[in-house]
Amino acid sequence: MTLERNIEAHLVKRCKEWDILCEKFTSPQRRNVPDRILTCRRSIIFVELKATGKKPSEAQMRDHMRRIDAGACVVWTDSIEGVNVIIEHLAVHMPIPYLPVIDGGAPFKVRV
């Protein structure tokens, strides 16, 4: 099982490799916000990271849905491979809203 902090460290490392702005997201007025905001090539993506086998809480899912309803892109992953898919598509291929390897449902979980 990969810990959330290790998955997050991998995300930060990969973002640096591709010159993607990767910011820690905290909100003093709201709990349950996504962990990171990625900005690259006119795309902004909220990313929730979980330890392997874990899922966002119901409160986190509600917050993610609120953002999706407002037009934002929110994805979550529980693996290093999922981070790699996010980075590959953001940096190389296309913006995440058009990512073909995302499971249905919302917010989207990156499938590897």
PDB file of N, CA and C in Angstrom:
ATOM      1  N   MET A   1       0.844  -1.178   0.000  1.00  0.00           N
ATOM      2  CA  MET A   1       0.000   0.000   0.000  1.00  0.00           C
ATOM      3  C   MET A   1       0.893   1.246   0.000  1.00  0.00           C
ATOM      4  N   THR A   2       0.582   2.185  -0.877  1.00  0.00           N
ATOM      5  CA  THR A   2       1.337   3.425  -0.950  1.00  0.00           C
ATOM      6  C   THR A   2       0.626   4.490  -0.120  1.00  0.00           C
ATOM      7  N   LEU A   3       1.365   5.159   0.744  1.00  0.00           N
ATOM      8  CA  LEU A   3       0.806   6.203   1.588  1.00  0.00           C
ATOM      9  C   LEU A   3       0.471   7.448   0.772  1.00  0.00           C
ATOM     10  N   GLU A   4      -0.518   8.188   1.243  1.00  0.00           N
ATOM     11  CA  GLU A   4      -0.925   9.417   0.551  1.00  0.00           C
ATOM     12  C   GLU A   4       0.239  10.388   0.401  1.00  0.00           C
ATOM     13  N   ARG A   5       1.051  10.540   1.429  1.00  0.00           N
ATOM     14  CA  ARG A   5       2.163  11.499   1.346  1.00  0.00           C
ATOM     15  C   ARG A   5       3.172  11.097   0.277  1.00  0.00           C
ATOM     16  N   ASN A   6       3.347   9.799   0.045  1.00  0.00           N
ATOM     17  CA  ASN A   6       4.263   9.340  -1.004  1.00  0.00           C
ATOM     18  C   ASN A   6       3.683   9.599  -2.393  1.00  0.00           C
ATOM     19  N   ILE A   7       2.376   9.418  -2.535  1.00  0.00           N
ATOM     20  CA  ILE A   7       1.716   9.716  -3.807  1.00  0.00           C
ATOM     21  C   ILE A   7       1.786  11.215  -4.075  1.00  0.00           C
ATOM     22  N   GLU A   8       1.575  12.019  -3.032  1.00  0.00           N
ATOM     23  CA  GLU A   8       1.646  13.477  -3.186  1.00  0.00           C
ATOM     24  C   GLU A   8       3.072  13.919  -3.536  1.00  0.00           C
ATOM     25  N   ALA A   9       4.071  13.327  -2.904  1.00  0.00           N
ATOM     26  CA  ALA A   9       5.467  13.657  -3.215  1.00  0.00           C
ATOM     27  C   ALA A   9       5.784  13.315  -4.667  1.00  0.00           C
ATOM     28  N   HIS A  10       5.245  12.202  -5.144  1.00  0.00           N
ATOM     29  CA  HIS A  10       5.450  11.817  -6.543  1.00  0.00           C
ATOM     30  C   HIS A  10       4.793  12.833  -7.483  1.00  0.00           C
ATOM     31  N   LEU A  11       3.595  13.285  -7.133  1.00  0.00           N
ATOM     32  CA  LEU A  11       2.917  14.298  -7.941  1.00  0.00           C
ATOM     33  C   LEU A  11       3.756  15.572  -8.023  1.00  0.00           C
ATOM     34  N   VAL A  12       4.259  16.038  -6.894  1.00  0.00           N
ATOM     35  CA  VAL A  12       5.075  17.255  -6.870  1.00  0.00           C
ATOM     36  C   VAL A  12       6.331  17.074  -7.730  1.00  0.00           C
ATOM     37  N   LYS A  13       6.977  15.924  -7.611  1.00  0.00           N
ATOM     38  CA  LYS A  13       8.187  15.635  -8.388  1.00  0.00           C
ATOM     39  C   LYS A  13       7.889  15.644  -9.888  1.00  0.00           C
ATOM     40  N   ARG A  14       6.833  14.964 -10.282  1.00  0.00           N
ATOM     41  CA  ARG A  14       6.483  14.897 -11.718  1.00  0.00           C
ATOM     42  C   ARG A  14       6.099  16.273 -12.256  1.00  0.00           C
ATOM     43  N   CYS A  15       5.407  17.069 -11.447  1.00  0.00           N
ATOM     44  CA  CYS A  15       5.040  18.417 -11.877  1.00  0.00           C
ATOM     45  C   CYS A  15       6.280  19.259 -12.110  1.00  0.00           C
ATOM     46  N   LYS A  16       7.274  19.144 -11.244  1.00  0.00           N
ATOM     47  CA  LYS A  16       8.528  19.885 -11.434  1.00  0.00           C
ATOM     48  C   LYS A  16       9.215  19.457 -12.719  1.00  0.00           C
ATOM     49  N   GLU A  17       9.194  18.168 -13.010  1.00  0.00           N
ATOM     50  CA  GLU A  17       9.817  17.660 -14.239  1.00  0.00           C
ATOM     51  C   GLU A  17       9.191  18.267 -15.489  1.00  0.00           C
ATOM     52  N   TRP A  18       7.891  18.513 -15.448  1.00  0.00           N
ATOM     53  CA  TRP A  18       7.161  19.014 -16.612  1.00  0.00           C
ATOM     54  C   TRP A  18       6.848  20.508 -16.520  1.00  0.00           C
ATOM     55  N   ASP A  19       7.388  21.183 -15.522  1.00  0.00           N
ATOM     56  CA  ASP A  19       7.156  22.615 -15.337  1.00  0.00           C
ATOM     57  C   ASP A  19       5.662  22.929 -15.204  1.00  0.00           C
ATOM     58  N   ILE A  20       4.989  22.089 -14.448  1.00  0.00           N
ATOM     59  CA  ILE A  20       3.573  22.290 -14.138  1.00  0.00           C
ATOM     60  C   ILE A  20       3.495  22.931 -12.756  1.00  0.00           C
ATOM     61  N   LEU A  21       2.737  23.998 -12.651  1.00  0.00           N
ATOM     62  CA  LEU A  21       2.554  24.652 -11.358  1.00  0.00           C
ATOM     63  C   LEU A  21       1.697  23.743 -10.480  1.00  0.00           C
ATOM     64  N   CYS A  22       2.230  23.357  -9.335  1.00  0.00           N
ATOM     65  CA  CYS A  22       1.559  22.419  -8.427  1.00  0.00           C
ATOM     66  C   CYS A  22       1.505  23.053  -7.051  1.00  0.00           C
ATOM     67  N   GLU A  23       0.336  23.514  -6.662  1.00  0.00           N
ATOM     68  CA  GLU A  23       0.195  24.223  -5.401  1.00  0.00           C
ATOM     69  C   GLU A  23      -0.637  23.428  -4.408  1.00  0.00           C
ATOM     70  N   LYS A  24      -0.206  23.473  -3.162  1.00  0.00           N
ATOM     71  CA  LYS A  24      -0.995  22.871  -2.085  1.00  0.00           C
ATOM     72  C   LYS A  24      -2.233  23.731  -1.897  1.00  0.00           C
ATOM     73  N   PHE A  25      -3.375  23.109  -1.803  1.00  0.00           N
ATOM     74  CA  PHE A  25      -4.628  23.847  -1.681  1.00  0.00           C
ATOM     75  C   PHE A  25      -5.182  23.676  -0.283  1.00  0.00           C
ATOM     76  N   THR A  26      -5.306  24.781   0.432  1.00  0.00           N
ATOM     77  CA  THR A  26      -5.967  24.794   1.728  1.00  0.00           C
ATOM     78  C   THR A  26      -6.920  25.970   1.739  1.00  0.00           C
ATOM     79  N   SER A  27      -7.961  25.847   2.485  1.00  0.00           N
ATOM     80  CA  SER A  27      -8.932  26.925   2.591  1.00  0.00           C
ATOM     81  C   SER A  27      -9.282  27.120   4.059  1.00  0.00           C
ATOM     82  N   PRO A  28      -9.022  28.300   4.592  1.00  0.00           N
ATOM     83  CA  PRO A  28      -9.327  28.510   6.005  1.00  0.00           C
ATOM     84  C   PRO A  28     -10.826  28.493   6.303  1.00  0.00           C
ATOM     85  N   GLN A  29     -11.649  28.682   5.278  1.00  0.00           N
ATOM     86  CA  GLN A  29     -13.095  28.745   5.490  1.00  0.00           C
ATOM     87  C   GLN A  29     -13.831  27.475   5.092  1.00  0.00           C
ATOM     88  N   ARG A  30     -13.151  26.562   4.410  1.00  0.00           N
ATOM     89  CA  ARG A  30     -13.812  25.333   3.964  1.00  0.00           C
ATOM     90  C   ARG A  30     -12.936  24.126   4.255  1.00  0.00           C
ATOM     91  N   ARG A  31     -13.561  23.089   4.733  1.00  0.00           N
ATOM     92  CA  ARG A  31     -12.867  21.816   4.893  1.00  0.00           C
ATOM     93  C   ARG A  31     -13.150  20.979   3.652  1.00  0.00           C
ATOM     94  N   ASN A  32     -12.426  19.905   3.512  1.00  0.00           N
ATOM     95  CA  ASN A  32     -12.679  18.903   2.470  1.00  0.00           C
ATOM     96  C   ASN A  32     -12.337  19.356   1.060  1.00  0.00           C
ATOM     97  N   VAL A  33     -11.503  20.389   0.919  1.00  0.00           N
ATOM     98  CA  VAL A  33     -11.106  20.823  -0.416  1.00  0.00           C
ATOM     99  C   VAL A  33     -10.058  19.862  -0.968  1.00  0.00           C
ATOM    100  N   PRO A  34      -9.911  19.800  -2.300  1.00  0.00           N
ATOM    101  CA  PRO A  34      -8.880  18.927  -2.892  1.00  0.00           C
ATOM    102  C   PRO A  34      -7.475  19.299  -2.400  1.00  0.00           C
ATOM    103  N   ASP A  35      -6.551  18.350  -2.497  1.00  0.00           N
ATOM    104  CA  ASP A  35      -5.196  18.531  -1.973  1.00  0.00           C
ATOM    105  C   ASP A  35      -4.347  19.503  -2.778  1.00  0.00           C
ATOM    106  N   ARG A  36      -4.453  19.461  -4.096  1.00  0.00           N
ATOM    107  CA  ARG A  36      -3.556  20.221  -4.957  1.00  0.00           C
ATOM    108  C   ARG A  36      -4.313  20.894  -6.100  1.00  0.00           C
ATOM    109  N   ILE A  37      -3.731  21.997  -6.569  1.00  0.00           N
ATOM    110  CA  ILE A  37      -4.207  22.666  -7.781  1.00  0.00           C
ATOM    111  C   ILE A  37      -3.052  22.616  -8.780  1.00  0.00           C
ATOM    112  N   LEU A  38      -3.310  22.052  -9.961  1.00  0.00           N
ATOM    113  CA  LEU A  38      -2.304  21.991 -11.020  1.00  0.00           C
ATOM    114  C   LEU A  38      -2.685  22.973 -12.116  1.00  0.00           C
ATOM    115  N   THR A  39      -1.701  23.722 -12.591  1.00  0.00           N
ATOM    116  CA  THR A  39      -1.926  24.677 -13.671  1.00  0.00           C
ATOM    117  C   THR A  39      -0.890  24.431 -14.757  1.00  0.00           C
ATOM    118  N   CYS A  40      -1.373  24.231 -15.980  1.00  0.00           N
ATOM    119  CA  CYS A  40      -0.483  23.984 -17.116  1.00  0.00           C
ATOM    120  C   CYS A  40      -1.262  24.198 -18.410  1.00  0.00           C
ATOM    121  N   ARG A  41      -0.656  24.872 -19.356  1.00  0.00           N
ATOM    122  CA  ARG A  41      -1.242  25.040 -20.700  1.00  0.00           C
ATOM    123  C   ARG A  41      -2.706  25.483 -20.642  1.00  0.00           C
ATOM    124  N   ARG A  42      -2.984  26.509 -19.885  1.00  0.00           N
ATOM    125  CA  ARG A  42      -4.333  27.067 -19.774  1.00  0.00           C
ATOM    126  C   ARG A  42      -5.340  26.106 -19.143  1.00  0.00           C
ATOM    127  N   SER A  43      -4.869  25.103 -18.473  1.00  0.00           N
ATOM    128  CA  SER A  43      -5.753  24.161 -17.772  1.00  0.00           C
ATOM    129  C   SER A  43      -5.496  24.259 -16.274  1.00  0.00           C
ATOM    130  N   ILE A  44      -6.565  24.234 -15.509  1.00  0.00           N
ATOM    131  CA  ILE A  44      -6.472  24.209 -14.058  1.00  0.00           C
ATOM    132  C   ILE A  44      -7.241  22.982 -13.575  1.00  0.00           C
ATOM    133  N   ILE A  45      -6.574  22.179 -12.766  1.00  0.00           N
ATOM    134  CA  ILE A  45      -7.166  20.931 -12.299  1.00  0.00           C
ATOM    135  C   ILE A  45      -7.014  20.830 -10.788  1.00  0.00           C
ATOM    136  N   PHE A  46      -8.090  20.482 -10.120  1.00  0.00           N
ATOM    137  CA  PHE A  46      -8.041  20.176  -8.696  1.00  0.00           C
ATOM    138  C   PHE A  46      -7.779  18.679  -8.566  1.00  0.00           C
ATOM    139  N   VAL A  47      -6.810  18.304  -7.729  1.00  0.00           N
ATOM    140  CA  VAL A  47      -6.436  16.897  -7.578  1.00  0.00           C
ATOM    141  C   VAL A  47      -6.551  16.489  -6.114  1.00  0.00           C
ATOM    142  N   GLU A  48      -7.293  15.431  -5.890  1.00  0.00           N
ATOM    143  CA  GLU A  48      -7.408  14.817  -4.559  1.00  0.00           C
ATOM    144  C   GLU A  48      -6.560  13.552  -4.570  1.00  0.00           C
ATOM    145  N   LEU A  49      -5.734  13.381  -3.559  1.00  0.00           N
ATOM    146  CA  LEU A  49      -4.866  12.214  -3.465  1.00  0.00           C
ATOM    147  C   LEU A  49      -5.254  11.393  -2.242  1.00  0.00           C
ATOM    148  N   LYS A  50      -5.231  10.092  -2.411  1.00  0.00           N
ATOM    149  CA  LYS A  50      -5.574   9.170  -1.333  1.00  0.00           C
ATOM    150  C   LYS A  50      -4.544   8.047  -1.281  1.00  0.00           C
ATOM    151  N   ALA A  51      -4.389   7.438  -0.115  1.00  0.00           N
ATOM    152  CA  ALA A  51      -3.558   6.249   0.010  1.00  0.00           C
ATOM    153  C   ALA A  51      -4.194   5.134  -0.824  1.00  0.00           C
ATOM    154  N   THR A  52      -3.377   4.210  -1.255  1.00  0.00           N
ATOM    155  CA  THR A  52      -3.864   3.106  -2.078  1.00  0.00           C
ATOM    156  C   THR A  52      -5.054   2.419  -1.414  1.00  0.00           C
ATOM    157  N   GLY A  53      -6.122   2.263  -2.184  1.00  0.00           N
ATOM    158  CA  GLY A  53      -7.324   1.599  -1.684  1.00  0.00           C
ATOM    159  C   GLY A  53      -8.300   2.504  -0.946  1.00  0.00           C
ATOM    160  N   LYS A  54      -7.917   3.731  -0.679  1.00  0.00           N
ATOM    161  CA  LYS A  54      -8.796   4.678   0.021  1.00  0.00           C
ATOM    162  C   LYS A  54      -9.567   5.512  -0.997  1.00  0.00           C
ATOM    163  N   LYS A  55     -10.698   6.068  -0.550  1.00  0.00           N
ATOM    164  CA  LYS A  55     -11.539   6.906  -1.400  1.00  0.00           C
ATOM    165  C   LYS A  55     -11.818   8.223  -0.687  1.00  0.00           C
ATOM    166  N   PRO A  56     -12.186   9.268  -1.440  1.00  0.00           N
ATOM    167  CA  PRO A  56     -12.575  10.521  -0.783  1.00  0.00           C
ATOM    168  C   PRO A  56     -13.797  10.296   0.109  1.00  0.00           C
ATOM    169  N   SER A  57     -13.871  11.068   1.180  1.00  0.00           N
ATOM    170  CA  SER A  57     -15.021  10.986   2.081  1.00  0.00           C
ATOM    171  C   SER A  57     -16.257  11.563   1.395  1.00  0.00           C
ATOM    172  N   GLU A  58     -17.413  11.327   1.972  1.00  0.00           N
ATOM    173  CA  GLU A  58     -18.647  11.888   1.412  1.00  0.00           C
ATOM    174  C   GLU A  58     -18.581  13.408   1.375  1.00  0.00           C
ATOM    175  N   ALA A  59     -18.032  14.022   2.425  1.00  0.00           N
ATOM    176  CA  ALA A  59     -17.912  15.485   2.455  1.00  0.00           C
ATOM    177  C   ALA A  59     -16.967  15.979   1.358  1.00  0.00           C
ATOM    178  N   GLN A  60     -15.884  15.244   1.118  1.00  0.00           N
ATOM    179  CA  GLN A  60     -14.973  15.616   0.037  1.00  0.00           C
ATOM    180  C   GLN A  60     -15.669  15.472  -1.317  1.00  0.00           C
ATOM    181  N   MET A  61     -16.416  14.406  -1.495  1.00  0.00           N
ATOM    182  CA  MET A  61     -17.133  14.205  -2.756  1.00  0.00           C
ATOM    183  C   MET A  61     -18.143  15.327  -2.988  1.00  0.00           C
ATOM    184  N   ARG A  62     -18.819  15.768  -1.936  1.00  0.00           N
ATOM    185  CA  ARG A  62     -19.756  16.893  -2.078  1.00  0.00           C
ATOM    186  C   ARG A  62     -19.018  18.157  -2.516  1.00  0.00           C
ATOM    187  N   ASP A  63     -17.862  18.411  -1.900  1.00  0.00           N
ATOM    188  CA  ASP A  63     -17.079  19.584  -2.288  1.00  0.00           C
ATOM    189  C   ASP A  63     -16.610  19.463  -3.738  1.00  0.00           C
ATOM    190  N   HIS A  64     -16.156  18.291  -4.124  1.00  0.00           N
ATOM    191  CA  HIS A  64     -15.704  18.078  -5.499  1.00  0.00           C
ATOM    192  C   HIS A  64     -16.855  18.299  -6.484  1.00  0.00           C
ATOM    193  N   MET A  65     -18.033  17.790  -6.142  1.00  0.00           N
ATOM    194  CA  MET A  65     -19.199  17.970  -7.015  1.00  0.00           C
ATOM    195  C   MET A  65     -19.579  19.447  -7.123  1.00  0.00           C
ATOM    196  N   ARG A  66     -19.457  20.174  -6.036  1.00  0.00           N
ATOM    197  CA  ARG A  66     -19.740  21.611  -6.054  1.00  0.00           C
ATOM    198  C   ARG A  66     -18.816  22.307  -7.048  1.00  0.00           C
ATOM    199  N   ARG A  67     -17.557  21.922  -7.063  1.00  0.00           N
ATOM    200  CA  ARG A  67     -16.588  22.503  -7.993  1.00  0.00           C
ATOM    201  C   ARG A  67     -16.878  22.088  -9.435  1.00  0.00           C
ATOM    202  N   ILE A  68     -17.217  20.824  -9.631  1.00  0.00           N
ATOM    203  CA  ILE A  68     -17.553  20.344 -10.973  1.00  0.00           C
ATOM    204  C   ILE A  68     -18.787  21.075 -11.496  1.00  0.00           C
ATOM    205  N   ASP A  69     -19.791  21.243 -10.643  1.00  0.00           N
ATOM    206  CA  ASP A  69     -20.997  21.972 -11.046  1.00  0.00           C
ATOM    207  C   ASP A  69     -20.698  23.417 -11.425  1.00  0.00           C
ATOM    208  N   ALA A  70     -19.630  23.981 -10.849  1.00  0.00           N
ATOM    209  CA  ALA A  70     -19.223  25.351 -11.164  1.00  0.00           C
ATOM    210  C   ALA A  70     -18.318  25.402 -12.391  1.00  0.00           C
ATOM    211  N   GLY A  71     -18.042  24.235 -12.990  1.00  0.00           N
ATOM    212  CA  GLY A  71     -17.258  24.201 -14.219  1.00  0.00           C
ATOM    213  C   GLY A  71     -15.805  23.802 -14.046  1.00  0.00           C
ATOM    214  N   ALA A  72     -15.402  23.425 -12.849  1.00  0.00           N
ATOM    215  CA  ALA A  72     -14.006  23.036 -12.606  1.00  0.00           C
ATOM    216  C   ALA A  72     -13.778  21.573 -12.967  1.00  0.00           C
ATOM    217  N   CYS A  73     -12.526  21.235 -13.145  1.00  0.00           N
ATOM    218  CA  CYS A  73     -12.132  19.847 -13.354  1.00  0.00           C
ATOM    219  C   CYS A  73     -11.550  19.327 -12.050  1.00  0.00           C
ATOM    220  N   VAL A  74     -12.110  18.242 -11.529  1.00  0.00           N
ATOM    221  CA  VAL A  74     -11.637  17.624 -10.291  1.00  0.00           C
ATOM    222  C   VAL A  74     -11.399  16.147 -10.570  1.00  0.00           C
ATOM    223  N   VAL A  75     -10.205  15.678 -10.236  1.00  0.00           N
ATOM    224  CA  VAL A  75      -9.895  14.254 -10.365  1.00  0.00           C
ATOM    225  C   VAL A  75      -9.291  13.778  -9.047  1.00  0.00           C
ATOM    226  N   TRP A  76      -9.341  12.471  -8.838  1.00  0.00           N
ATOM    227  CA  TRP A  76      -8.668  11.918  -7.674  1.00  0.00           C
ATOM    228  C   TRP A  76      -8.013  10.608  -8.066  1.00  0.00           C
ATOM    229  N   THR A  77      -6.968  10.277  -7.325  1.00  0.00           N
ATOM    230  CA  THR A  77      -6.285   9.020  -7.567  1.00  0.00           C
ATOM    231  C   THR A  77      -5.732   8.481  -6.256  1.00  0.00           C
ATOM    232  N   ASP A  78      -5.539   7.183  -6.232  1.00  0.00           N
ATOM    233  CA  ASP A  78      -4.965   6.527  -5.059  1.00  0.00           C
ATOM    234  C   ASP A  78      -3.703   5.758  -5.434  1.00  0.00           C
ATOM    235  N   SER A  79      -3.029   6.208  -6.514  1.00  0.00           N
ATOM    236  CA  SER A  79      -1.850   5.468  -6.950  1.00  0.00           C
ATOM    237  C   SER A  79      -0.833   6.364  -7.657  1.00  0.00           C
ATOM    238  N   ILE A  80       0.407   5.894  -7.658  1.00  0.00           N
ATOM    239  CA  ILE A  80       1.489   6.548  -8.400  1.00  0.00           C
ATOM    240  C   ILE A  80       1.162   6.511  -9.891  1.00  0.00           C
ATOM    241  N   GLU A  81       0.630   5.384 -10.357  1.00  0.00           N
ATOM    242  CA  GLU A  81       0.289   5.246 -11.773  1.00  0.00           C
ATOM    243  C   GLU A  81      -0.781   6.261 -12.177  1.00  0.00           C
ATOM    244  N   GLY A  82      -1.750   6.504 -11.296  1.00  0.00           N
ATOM    245  CA  GLY A  82      -2.775   7.502 -11.564  1.00  0.00           C
ATOM    246  C   GLY A  82      -2.186   8.894 -11.694  1.00  0.00           C
ATOM    247  N   VAL A  83      -1.219   9.219 -10.843  1.00  0.00           N
ATOM    248  CA  VAL A  83      -0.519  10.503 -10.954  1.00  0.00           C
ATOM    249  C   VAL A  83       0.161  10.603 -12.310  1.00  0.00           C
ATOM    250  N   ASN A  84       0.807   9.525 -12.740  1.00  0.00           N
ATOM    251  CA  ASN A  84       1.494   9.537 -14.037  1.00  0.00           C
ATOM    252  C   ASN A  84       0.528   9.787 -15.186  1.00  0.00           C
ATOM    253  N   VAL A  85      -0.667   9.225 -15.110  1.00  0.00           N
ATOM    254  CA  VAL A  85      -1.680   9.441 -16.149  1.00  0.00           C
ATOM    255  C   VAL A  85      -2.098  10.911 -16.164  1.00  0.00           C
ATOM    256  N   ILE A  86      -2.332  11.486 -14.999  1.00  0.00           N
ATOM    257  CA  ILE A  86      -2.721  12.894 -14.916  1.00  0.00           C
ATOM    258  C   ILE A  86      -1.643  13.773 -15.548  1.00  0.00           C
ATOM    259  N   ILE A  87      -0.393  13.559 -15.160  1.00  0.00           N
ATOM    260  CA  ILE A  87       0.712  14.378 -15.667  1.00  0.00           C
ATOM    261  C   ILE A  87       0.888  14.192 -17.168  1.00  0.00           C
ATOM    262  N   GLU A  88       0.843  12.959 -17.629  1.00  0.00           N
ATOM    263  CA  GLU A  88       1.023  12.696 -19.061  1.00  0.00           C
ATOM    264  C   GLU A  88      -0.010  13.443 -19.894  1.00  0.00           C
ATOM    265  N   HIS A  89      -1.244  13.372 -19.498  1.00  0.00           N
ATOM    266  CA  HIS A  89      -2.286  14.015 -20.284  1.00  0.00           C
ATOM    267  C   HIS A  89      -2.285  15.528 -20.141  1.00  0.00           C
ATOM    268  N   LEU A  90      -1.952  16.012 -18.981  1.00  0.00           N
ATOM    269  CA  LEU A  90      -1.913  17.457 -18.787  1.00  0.00           C
ATOM    270  C   LEU A  90      -0.726  18.071 -19.524  1.00  0.00           C
ATOM    271  N   ALA A  91       0.438  17.449 -19.431  1.00  0.00           N
ATOM    272  CA  ALA A  91       1.655  18.020 -19.996  1.00  0.00           C
ATOM    273  C   ALA A  91       1.855  17.699 -21.475  1.00  0.00           C
ATOM    274  N   VAL A  92       1.360  16.552 -21.910  1.00  0.00           N
ATOM    275  CA  VAL A  92       1.693  16.087 -23.249  1.00  0.00           C
ATOM    276  C   VAL A  92       0.509  16.102 -24.209  1.00  0.00           C
ATOM    277  N   HIS A  93      -0.631  15.614 -23.771  1.00  0.00           N
ATOM    278  CA  HIS A  93      -1.713  15.368 -24.710  1.00  0.00           C
ATOM    279  C   HIS A  93      -2.759  16.467 -24.767  1.00  0.00           C
ATOM    280  N   MET A  94      -3.549  16.549 -23.749  1.00  0.00           N
ATOM    281  CA  MET A  94      -4.704  17.438 -23.812  1.00  0.00           C
ATOM    282  C   MET A  94      -5.155  17.784 -22.404  1.00  0.00           C
ATOM    283  N   PRO A  95      -6.012  18.781 -22.270  1.00  0.00           N
ATOM    284  CA  PRO A  95      -6.539  19.085 -20.941  1.00  0.00           C
ATOM    285  C   PRO A  95      -7.309  17.905 -20.361  1.00  0.00           C
ATOM    286  N   ILE A  96      -7.285  17.779 -19.073  1.00  0.00           N
ATOM    287  CA  ILE A  96      -7.924  16.663 -18.367  1.00  0.00           C
ATOM    288  C   ILE A  96      -9.417  16.503 -18.662  1.00  0.00           C
ATOM    289  N   PRO A  97     -10.214  17.571 -18.846  1.00  0.00           N
ATOM    290  CA  PRO A  97     -11.637  17.315 -19.082  1.00  0.00           C
ATOM    291  C   PRO A  97     -11.902  16.398 -20.272  1.00  0.00           C
ATOM    292  N   TYR A  98     -10.914  16.243 -21.157  1.00  0.00           N
ATOM    293  CA  TYR A  98     -11.075  15.385 -22.323  1.00  0.00           C
ATOM    294  C   TYR A  98     -10.285  14.097 -22.202  1.00  0.00           C
ATOM    295  N   LEU A  99      -9.774  13.834 -21.018  1.00  0.00           N
ATOM    296  CA  LEU A  99      -8.964  12.649 -20.771  1.00  0.00           C
ATOM    297  C   LEU A  99      -9.793  11.380 -20.993  1.00  0.00           C
ATOM    298  N   PRO A 100      -9.375  10.520 -21.916  1.00  0.00           N
ATOM    299  CA  PRO A 100     -10.188   9.349 -22.236  1.00  0.00           C
ATOM    300  C   PRO A 100     -10.081   8.198 -21.242  1.00  0.00           C
ATOM    301  N   VAL A 101      -9.161   8.230 -20.304  1.00  0.00           N
ATOM    302  CA  VAL A 101      -8.982   7.093 -19.404  1.00  0.00           C
ATOM    303  C   VAL A 101      -9.492   7.390 -18.006  1.00  0.00           C
ATOM    304  N   ILE A 102     -10.568   8.131 -17.930  1.00  0.00           N
ATOM    305  CA  ILE A 102     -11.161   8.450 -16.642  1.00  0.00           C
ATOM    306  C   ILE A 102     -12.450   7.651 -16.485  1.00  0.00           C
ATOM    307  N   ASP A 103     -12.616   7.051 -15.321  1.00  0.00           N
ATOM    308  CA  ASP A 103     -13.859   6.328 -15.038  1.00  0.00           C
ATOM    309  C   ASP A 103     -15.020   7.312 -14.999  1.00  0.00           C
ATOM    310  N   GLY A 104     -16.195   6.858 -15.363  1.00  0.00           N
ATOM    311  CA  GLY A 104     -17.380   7.675 -15.263  1.00  0.00           C
ATOM    312  C   GLY A 104     -17.744   7.942 -13.810  1.00  0.00           C
ATOM    313  N   GLY A 105     -18.670   8.818 -13.609  1.00  0.00           N
ATOM    314  CA  GLY A 105     -19.019   9.217 -12.258  1.00  0.00           C
ATOM    315  C   GLY A 105     -18.255  10.474 -11.908  1.00  0.00           C
ATOM    316  N   ALA A 106     -18.621  11.071 -10.821  1.00  0.00           N
ATOM    317  CA  ALA A 106     -17.959  12.318 -10.493  1.00  0.00           C
ATOM    318  C   ALA A 106     -17.754  12.395  -8.998  1.00  0.00           C
ATOM    319  N   PRO A 107     -16.685  12.967  -8.537  1.00  0.00           N
ATOM    320  CA  PRO A 107     -15.605  13.403  -9.390  1.00  0.00           C
ATOM    321  C   PRO A 107     -14.898  12.209  -9.992  1.00  0.00           C
ATOM    322  N   PHE A 108     -14.160  12.475 -11.016  1.00  0.00           N
ATOM    323  CA  PHE A 108     -13.534  11.394 -11.771  1.00  0.00           C
ATOM    324  C   PHE A 108     -12.374  10.780 -11.021  1.00  0.00           C
ATOM    325  N   LYS A 109     -12.290   9.464 -11.062  1.00  0.00           N
ATOM    326  CA  LYS A 109     -11.115   8.760 -10.548  1.00  0.00           C
ATOM    327  C   LYS A 109     -10.283   8.346 -11.739  1.00  0.00           C
ATOM    328  N   VAL A 110      -9.004   8.674 -11.680  1.00  0.00           N
ATOM    329  CA  VAL A 110      -8.126   8.303 -12.773  1.00  0.00           C
ATOM    330  C   VAL A 110      -7.926   6.790 -12.737  1.00  0.00           C
ATOM    331  N   ARG A 111      -8.173   6.170 -13.880  1.00  0.00           N
ATOM    332  CA  ARG A 111      -8.036   4.719 -14.019  1.00  0.00           C
ATOM    333  C   ARG A 111      -6.713   4.428 -14.733  1.00  0.00           C
ATOM    334  N   VAL A 112      -5.998   3.446 -14.270  1.00  0.00           N
ATOM    335  CA  VAL A 112      -4.746   3.073 -14.930  1.00  0.00           C
ATOM    336  C   VAL A 112      -4.862   1.698 -15.533  1.00  0.00           C
TER     337      VAL A 112
END
